[in-house]
N, C-alpha and C. Protein backbone atom coordinates (compact mmCIF):
# COMPACT_ATOMS: atom_id res chain seq x y z
N UNK A 1 0.82 -1.17 0.00
CA UNK A 1 0.00 0.00 0.00
C UNK A 1 0.88 1.25 0.00
N UNK A 2 0.41 2.30 -0.70
CA UNK A 2 1.16 3.55 -0.79
C UNK A 2 0.91 4.41 0.44
N UNK A 3 1.93 5.12 0.87
CA UNK A 3 1.71 6.03 1.99
C UNK A 3 0.81 7.18 1.53
N UNK A 4 -0.16 7.54 2.33
CA UNK A 4 -1.14 8.56 1.99
C UNK A 4 -0.90 9.79 2.84
N UNK A 5 -0.80 10.94 2.18
CA UNK A 5 -0.54 12.16 2.91
C UNK A 5 -1.57 13.21 2.48
N UNK A 6 -2.35 13.68 3.45
CA UNK A 6 -3.34 14.71 3.15
C UNK A 6 -2.67 16.01 2.71
N UNK A 7 -1.52 16.30 3.24
CA UNK A 7 -0.86 17.56 2.87
C UNK A 7 -0.43 17.54 1.41
N UNK A 8 0.02 16.39 0.91
CA UNK A 8 0.39 16.30 -0.51
C UNK A 8 -0.83 16.45 -1.40
N UNK A 9 -1.91 15.85 -1.01
CA UNK A 9 -3.15 15.95 -1.79
C UNK A 9 -3.63 17.39 -1.82
N UNK A 10 -3.63 18.06 -0.67
CA UNK A 10 -4.06 19.45 -0.62
C UNK A 10 -3.14 20.36 -1.43
N UNK A 11 -1.84 20.10 -1.40
CA UNK A 11 -0.90 20.89 -2.18
C UNK A 11 -1.16 20.72 -3.67
N UNK A 12 -1.37 19.50 -4.10
CA UNK A 12 -1.66 19.24 -5.52
C UNK A 12 -2.97 19.89 -5.94
N UNK A 13 -3.99 19.79 -5.09
CA UNK A 13 -5.29 20.37 -5.38
C UNK A 13 -5.18 21.90 -5.46
N UNK A 14 -4.46 22.51 -4.53
CA UNK A 14 -4.28 23.96 -4.54
C UNK A 14 -3.53 24.40 -5.80
N UNK A 15 -2.51 23.65 -6.19
CA UNK A 15 -1.75 23.98 -7.41
C UNK A 15 -2.63 23.90 -8.64
N UNK A 16 -3.46 22.87 -8.72
CA UNK A 16 -4.36 22.71 -9.86
C UNK A 16 -5.36 23.85 -9.93
N UNK A 17 -5.92 24.24 -8.78
CA UNK A 17 -6.87 25.35 -8.77
C UNK A 17 -6.20 26.66 -9.16
N UNK A 18 -4.98 26.87 -8.71
CA UNK A 18 -4.25 28.08 -9.06
C UNK A 18 -3.97 28.14 -10.56
N UNK A 19 -3.56 27.03 -11.14
CA UNK A 19 -3.31 26.98 -12.59
C UNK A 19 -4.59 27.27 -13.38
N UNK A 20 -5.70 26.71 -12.92
CA UNK A 20 -6.96 26.93 -13.61
C UNK A 20 -7.38 28.40 -13.50
N UNK A 21 -7.19 28.99 -12.34
CA UNK A 21 -7.54 30.39 -12.16
C UNK A 21 -6.69 31.29 -13.05
N UNK A 22 -5.41 30.99 -13.14
CA UNK A 22 -4.52 31.80 -13.99
C UNK A 22 -4.87 31.67 -15.45
N UNK A 23 -5.26 30.48 -15.85
CA UNK A 23 -5.58 30.24 -17.25
C UNK A 23 -6.88 30.93 -17.65
N UNK A 24 -7.76 31.18 -16.68
CA UNK A 24 -9.05 31.76 -17.03
C UNK A 24 -9.12 33.26 -16.75
N UNK A 25 -7.99 33.90 -16.51
CA UNK A 25 -7.99 35.34 -16.30
C UNK A 25 -8.34 36.01 -17.62
N UNK A 26 -9.39 36.82 -17.62
CA UNK A 26 -9.77 37.45 -18.89
C UNK A 26 -8.73 38.46 -19.33
N UNK A 27 -8.60 38.56 -20.66
CA UNK A 27 -7.68 39.54 -21.23
C UNK A 27 -8.31 40.93 -21.07
N UNK A 28 -7.48 41.95 -20.92
CA UNK A 28 -8.06 43.29 -20.81
C UNK A 28 -8.82 43.64 -22.08
N UNK A 29 -9.93 44.29 -21.91
CA UNK A 29 -10.76 44.69 -23.04
C UNK A 29 -10.21 46.00 -23.61
N UNK A 30 -9.94 45.97 -24.90
CA UNK A 30 -9.50 47.19 -25.57
C UNK A 30 -10.60 47.60 -26.53
N UNK A 31 -10.96 48.83 -26.51
CA UNK A 31 -12.02 49.29 -27.38
C UNK A 31 -11.46 50.27 -28.41
N UNK A 32 -11.98 50.17 -29.58
CA UNK A 32 -11.60 51.07 -30.65
C UNK A 32 -12.45 52.33 -30.52
N UNK A 33 -11.81 53.46 -30.62
CA UNK A 33 -12.51 54.74 -30.53
C UNK A 33 -12.64 55.32 -31.93
N UNK A 34 -13.85 55.76 -32.25
CA UNK A 34 -14.09 56.39 -33.54
C UNK A 34 -14.60 57.81 -33.32
N UNK A 35 -14.07 58.72 -34.10
CA UNK A 35 -14.54 60.10 -34.11
C UNK A 35 -14.95 60.42 -35.54
N UNK A 36 -16.05 61.13 -35.69
CA UNK A 36 -16.54 61.46 -37.03
C UNK A 36 -16.67 62.98 -37.13
N UNK A 37 -16.11 63.53 -38.20
CA UNK A 37 -16.22 64.97 -38.43
C UNK A 37 -17.63 65.30 -38.91
N UNK A 38 -17.95 66.57 -38.90
CA UNK A 38 -19.17 67.01 -39.56
C UNK A 38 -18.92 66.94 -41.07
N UNK A 39 -19.94 67.20 -41.83
CA UNK A 39 -19.80 67.18 -43.29
C UNK A 39 -18.87 68.31 -43.73
N UNK A 40 -17.91 67.98 -44.57
CA UNK A 40 -16.91 68.94 -45.05
C UNK A 40 -17.08 69.15 -46.55
N UNK A 41 -16.78 70.35 -46.99
CA UNK A 41 -16.79 70.66 -48.42
C UNK A 41 -15.35 70.80 -48.90
N UNK A 42 -15.05 70.35 -50.10
CA UNK A 42 -13.67 70.47 -50.61
C UNK A 42 -13.37 71.89 -51.09
N UNK A 43 -13.42 72.83 -50.13
CA UNK A 43 -13.14 74.23 -50.42
C UNK A 43 -12.11 74.73 -49.42
N UNK A 44 -11.00 75.29 -49.89
CA UNK A 44 -9.99 75.80 -48.96
C UNK A 44 -10.61 76.80 -47.97
N UNK A 45 -10.28 76.63 -46.70
CA UNK A 45 -10.80 77.51 -45.66
C UNK A 45 -12.07 77.00 -45.00
N UNK A 46 -12.70 75.98 -45.58
CA UNK A 46 -13.93 75.46 -44.98
C UNK A 46 -13.58 74.74 -43.68
N UNK A 47 -14.30 75.07 -42.60
CA UNK A 47 -14.08 74.44 -41.30
C UNK A 47 -15.38 73.78 -40.86
N UNK A 48 -15.27 72.51 -40.50
CA UNK A 48 -16.44 71.77 -40.05
C UNK A 48 -16.89 72.20 -38.67
N UNK A 49 -18.17 72.02 -38.40
CA UNK A 49 -18.72 72.44 -37.11
C UNK A 49 -18.39 71.46 -35.99
N UNK A 50 -18.14 70.20 -36.31
CA UNK A 50 -17.78 69.22 -35.30
C UNK A 50 -16.29 68.92 -35.43
N UNK A 51 -15.58 69.00 -34.36
CA UNK A 51 -14.14 68.72 -34.26
C UNK A 51 -13.27 69.82 -34.86
N UNK A 52 -13.81 70.75 -35.59
CA UNK A 52 -13.00 71.84 -36.14
C UNK A 52 -12.07 71.43 -37.27
N UNK A 53 -12.40 70.36 -37.98
CA UNK A 53 -11.57 69.95 -39.12
C UNK A 53 -11.59 71.06 -40.17
N UNK A 54 -10.41 71.42 -40.66
CA UNK A 54 -10.31 72.53 -41.62
C UNK A 54 -9.70 72.05 -42.94
N UNK A 55 -10.35 72.41 -44.05
CA UNK A 55 -9.81 72.12 -45.37
C UNK A 55 -8.79 73.21 -45.67
N UNK A 56 -7.53 72.81 -45.77
CA UNK A 56 -6.47 73.79 -46.00
C UNK A 56 -6.22 74.07 -47.48
N UNK A 57 -6.24 72.99 -48.29
CA UNK A 57 -5.88 73.16 -49.69
C UNK A 57 -6.56 72.06 -50.51
N UNK A 58 -6.95 72.41 -51.73
CA UNK A 58 -7.53 71.45 -52.67
C UNK A 58 -6.84 71.71 -54.01
N UNK A 59 -6.26 70.66 -54.58
CA UNK A 59 -5.59 70.84 -55.87
C UNK A 59 -5.56 69.50 -56.62
N UNK A 60 -5.23 69.59 -57.89
CA UNK A 60 -5.09 68.40 -58.73
C UNK A 60 -3.62 67.98 -58.67
N UNK A 61 -3.38 66.69 -58.50
CA UNK A 61 -2.01 66.19 -58.40
C UNK A 61 -1.22 66.50 -59.67
N UNK A 62 0.10 66.49 -59.54
CA UNK A 62 0.98 66.81 -60.68
C UNK A 62 0.73 65.91 -61.88
N UNK A 63 0.44 64.64 -61.61
CA UNK A 63 0.20 63.73 -62.73
C UNK A 63 -1.26 63.78 -63.19
N UNK A 64 -2.05 64.68 -62.58
CA UNK A 64 -3.45 64.92 -62.94
C UNK A 64 -4.35 63.70 -62.75
N UNK A 65 -3.96 62.80 -61.86
CA UNK A 65 -4.76 61.61 -61.61
C UNK A 65 -5.70 61.76 -60.42
N UNK A 66 -5.36 62.65 -59.47
CA UNK A 66 -6.12 62.75 -58.23
C UNK A 66 -6.52 64.18 -57.94
N UNK A 67 -7.59 64.31 -57.18
CA UNK A 67 -7.91 65.56 -56.49
C UNK A 67 -7.31 65.37 -55.10
N UNK A 68 -6.43 66.24 -54.69
CA UNK A 68 -5.77 66.13 -53.40
C UNK A 68 -6.40 67.14 -52.45
N UNK A 69 -6.79 66.67 -51.28
CA UNK A 69 -7.39 67.54 -50.28
C UNK A 69 -6.54 67.45 -49.02
N UNK A 70 -5.99 68.59 -48.60
CA UNK A 70 -5.22 68.67 -47.36
C UNK A 70 -6.11 69.24 -46.26
N UNK A 71 -6.14 68.55 -45.13
CA UNK A 71 -6.96 68.98 -44.00
C UNK A 71 -6.10 69.07 -42.75
N UNK A 72 -6.57 69.86 -41.81
CA UNK A 72 -5.92 69.96 -40.51
C UNK A 72 -6.95 69.63 -39.45
N UNK A 73 -6.62 68.65 -38.60
CA UNK A 73 -7.52 68.23 -37.53
C UNK A 73 -6.91 68.58 -36.19
N UNK A 74 -7.66 69.25 -35.32
CA UNK A 74 -7.12 69.61 -34.02
C UNK A 74 -7.12 68.42 -33.05
N UNK A 75 -6.38 67.39 -33.41
CA UNK A 75 -6.29 66.18 -32.61
C UNK A 75 -4.83 65.77 -32.47
N UNK A 76 -4.51 65.15 -31.36
CA UNK A 76 -3.19 64.57 -31.16
C UNK A 76 -3.01 63.46 -32.20
N UNK A 77 -1.92 63.46 -32.95
CA UNK A 77 -1.70 62.43 -33.98
C UNK A 77 -1.69 61.01 -33.42
N UNK A 78 -1.43 60.86 -32.13
CA UNK A 78 -1.39 59.53 -31.52
C UNK A 78 -2.76 58.86 -31.47
N UNK A 79 -3.83 59.62 -31.62
CA UNK A 79 -5.17 59.04 -31.54
C UNK A 79 -5.79 58.81 -32.92
N UNK A 80 -5.00 58.91 -33.97
CA UNK A 80 -5.49 58.65 -35.32
C UNK A 80 -4.65 57.55 -35.95
N UNK A 81 -5.20 56.34 -35.96
CA UNK A 81 -4.50 55.20 -36.55
C UNK A 81 -4.99 54.90 -37.96
N UNK A 82 -6.24 55.24 -38.23
CA UNK A 82 -6.83 54.91 -39.52
C UNK A 82 -7.86 55.97 -39.87
N UNK A 83 -8.00 56.25 -41.15
CA UNK A 83 -8.98 57.22 -41.61
C UNK A 83 -9.84 56.57 -42.68
N UNK A 84 -11.14 56.70 -42.51
CA UNK A 84 -12.08 56.28 -43.53
C UNK A 84 -12.83 57.51 -44.00
N UNK A 85 -13.11 57.57 -45.27
CA UNK A 85 -13.83 58.70 -45.85
C UNK A 85 -15.19 58.20 -46.30
N UNK A 86 -16.21 58.97 -45.95
CA UNK A 86 -17.56 58.59 -46.35
C UNK A 86 -18.27 59.82 -46.92
N UNK A 87 -19.27 59.56 -47.73
CA UNK A 87 -20.05 60.65 -48.31
C UNK A 87 -20.90 61.28 -47.21
N UNK A 88 -21.51 62.40 -47.52
CA UNK A 88 -22.38 63.08 -46.55
C UNK A 88 -23.52 62.18 -46.10
N UNK A 89 -23.91 61.22 -46.94
CA UNK A 89 -24.99 60.29 -46.59
C UNK A 89 -24.47 59.06 -45.83
N UNK A 90 -23.15 58.99 -45.62
CA UNK A 90 -22.59 57.88 -44.84
C UNK A 90 -22.07 56.71 -45.65
N UNK A 91 -22.10 56.81 -46.98
CA UNK A 91 -21.60 55.73 -47.82
C UNK A 91 -20.08 55.80 -47.94
N UNK A 92 -19.38 54.65 -47.92
CA UNK A 92 -17.91 54.68 -48.08
C UNK A 92 -17.51 55.31 -49.41
N UNK A 93 -16.43 56.08 -49.38
CA UNK A 93 -15.92 56.73 -50.58
C UNK A 93 -14.74 55.92 -51.10
N UNK A 94 -14.73 55.71 -52.40
CA UNK A 94 -13.64 54.99 -53.03
C UNK A 94 -12.45 55.94 -53.18
N UNK A 95 -11.43 55.72 -52.38
CA UNK A 95 -10.23 56.55 -52.44
C UNK A 95 -9.29 56.03 -53.52
N UNK A 96 -8.57 56.92 -54.15
CA UNK A 96 -7.61 56.53 -55.18
C UNK A 96 -6.29 56.07 -54.57
N UNK A 97 -6.06 56.46 -53.34
CA UNK A 97 -4.82 56.14 -52.65
C UNK A 97 -5.10 56.25 -51.15
N UNK A 98 -4.38 55.50 -50.34
CA UNK A 98 -4.58 55.53 -48.89
C UNK A 98 -4.30 56.93 -48.34
N UNK A 99 -5.15 57.42 -47.42
CA UNK A 99 -4.91 58.75 -46.84
C UNK A 99 -3.56 58.79 -46.11
N UNK A 100 -2.93 59.95 -46.18
CA UNK A 100 -1.67 60.14 -45.46
C UNK A 100 -1.95 60.91 -44.18
N UNK A 101 -1.36 60.45 -43.08
CA UNK A 101 -1.50 61.11 -41.79
C UNK A 101 -0.16 61.73 -41.45
N UNK A 102 -0.15 63.03 -41.23
CA UNK A 102 1.09 63.75 -40.95
C UNK A 102 0.94 64.56 -39.67
N UNK A 103 1.67 64.18 -38.62
CA UNK A 103 1.59 64.98 -37.40
C UNK A 103 2.17 66.38 -37.63
N UNK A 104 1.48 67.37 -37.13
CA UNK A 104 1.99 68.73 -37.21
C UNK A 104 3.10 68.88 -36.19
N UNK A 105 3.93 69.88 -36.32
CA UNK A 105 5.12 70.00 -35.50
C UNK A 105 4.83 70.23 -34.02
N UNK A 106 3.70 70.84 -33.70
CA UNK A 106 3.43 71.10 -32.29
C UNK A 106 2.84 69.90 -31.56
N UNK A 107 2.51 68.83 -32.29
CA UNK A 107 1.96 67.63 -31.68
C UNK A 107 0.51 67.77 -31.25
N UNK A 108 -0.10 68.91 -31.51
CA UNK A 108 -1.48 69.15 -31.11
C UNK A 108 -2.46 69.03 -32.27
N UNK A 109 -1.96 68.81 -33.46
CA UNK A 109 -2.84 68.73 -34.62
C UNK A 109 -2.34 67.64 -35.56
N UNK A 110 -3.23 67.18 -36.40
CA UNK A 110 -2.91 66.13 -37.36
C UNK A 110 -3.24 66.62 -38.76
N UNK A 111 -2.27 66.53 -39.65
CA UNK A 111 -2.51 66.84 -41.04
C UNK A 111 -2.95 65.58 -41.76
N UNK A 112 -3.93 65.72 -42.63
CA UNK A 112 -4.44 64.57 -43.39
C UNK A 112 -4.46 64.97 -44.86
N UNK A 113 -3.99 64.07 -45.70
CA UNK A 113 -4.04 64.28 -47.14
C UNK A 113 -4.87 63.16 -47.75
N UNK A 114 -5.92 63.58 -48.48
CA UNK A 114 -6.81 62.63 -49.14
C UNK A 114 -6.57 62.67 -50.64
N UNK A 115 -6.75 61.53 -51.27
CA UNK A 115 -6.59 61.41 -52.72
C UNK A 115 -7.91 60.87 -53.28
N UNK A 116 -8.68 61.75 -53.89
CA UNK A 116 -9.99 61.39 -54.40
C UNK A 116 -10.03 61.50 -55.91
N UNK A 117 -11.10 61.00 -56.48
CA UNK A 117 -11.31 61.14 -57.92
C UNK A 117 -11.32 62.62 -58.27
N UNK A 118 -10.63 62.98 -59.31
CA UNK A 118 -10.50 64.40 -59.64
C UNK A 118 -11.76 65.00 -60.22
N UNK A 119 -12.71 64.17 -60.60
CA UNK A 119 -13.91 64.67 -61.25
C UNK A 119 -15.05 64.99 -60.28
N UNK A 120 -14.92 64.61 -59.03
CA UNK A 120 -16.03 64.78 -58.09
C UNK A 120 -15.74 65.92 -57.12
N UNK A 121 -16.76 66.68 -56.83
CA UNK A 121 -16.66 67.80 -55.89
C UNK A 121 -17.77 67.68 -54.85
N UNK A 122 -17.90 66.54 -54.19
CA UNK A 122 -18.98 66.33 -53.25
C UNK A 122 -18.51 66.50 -51.82
N UNK A 123 -19.49 66.66 -50.95
CA UNK A 123 -19.21 66.80 -49.53
C UNK A 123 -18.86 65.43 -48.95
N UNK A 124 -18.08 65.44 -47.87
CA UNK A 124 -17.63 64.18 -47.28
C UNK A 124 -17.43 64.34 -45.78
N UNK A 125 -17.27 63.23 -45.10
CA UNK A 125 -16.94 63.20 -43.67
C UNK A 125 -15.76 62.27 -43.47
N UNK A 126 -15.03 62.50 -42.40
CA UNK A 126 -13.92 61.62 -42.04
C UNK A 126 -14.31 60.83 -40.81
N UNK A 127 -14.02 59.56 -40.84
CA UNK A 127 -14.17 58.69 -39.66
C UNK A 127 -12.75 58.38 -39.20
N UNK A 128 -12.39 58.89 -38.04
CA UNK A 128 -11.03 58.75 -37.50
C UNK A 128 -11.04 57.64 -36.47
N UNK A 129 -10.20 56.65 -36.68
CA UNK A 129 -10.22 55.46 -35.84
C UNK A 129 -8.92 55.36 -35.04
N UNK A 130 -9.08 55.13 -33.74
CA UNK A 130 -7.96 54.93 -32.84
C UNK A 130 -8.01 53.50 -32.34
N UNK A 131 -7.05 52.69 -32.76
CA UNK A 131 -6.92 51.31 -32.30
C UNK A 131 -5.90 51.28 -31.18
N UNK A 132 -6.32 51.04 -29.92
CA UNK A 132 -5.39 51.13 -28.80
C UNK A 132 -4.23 50.12 -28.87
N UNK A 133 -4.39 49.06 -29.64
CA UNK A 133 -3.34 48.05 -29.73
C UNK A 133 -2.22 48.44 -30.68
N UNK A 134 -2.42 49.51 -31.44
CA UNK A 134 -1.41 49.90 -32.44
C UNK A 134 -0.53 51.00 -31.91
């Protein structure tokens, strides 16, 4: 017969429970934050009523393939990981090239450059996405 020790059994049971508890610790929840500008017009000097997004410049690219829209957003560049462009009605806009995000020198604003079809002059909104894991 094997020697039986309650202390060994309790130690093994406690270790098993501890391992199970550690394995079931939930991961911290990270939430994506989205900010949406008001409707913007592709006109230099136009400032949106929500977030204060300002259209700085609108021009046709050198190769004449894109309408380029430069905007300034009064946001810390660290909170803008992705930009989606949508029409005033909320439909996704087909961009010709991925938007460029450029932090301004003071760190208090974010420059955004959009590349849209050169033939369209419609109003749009920006959906600014902050992914905390990035």
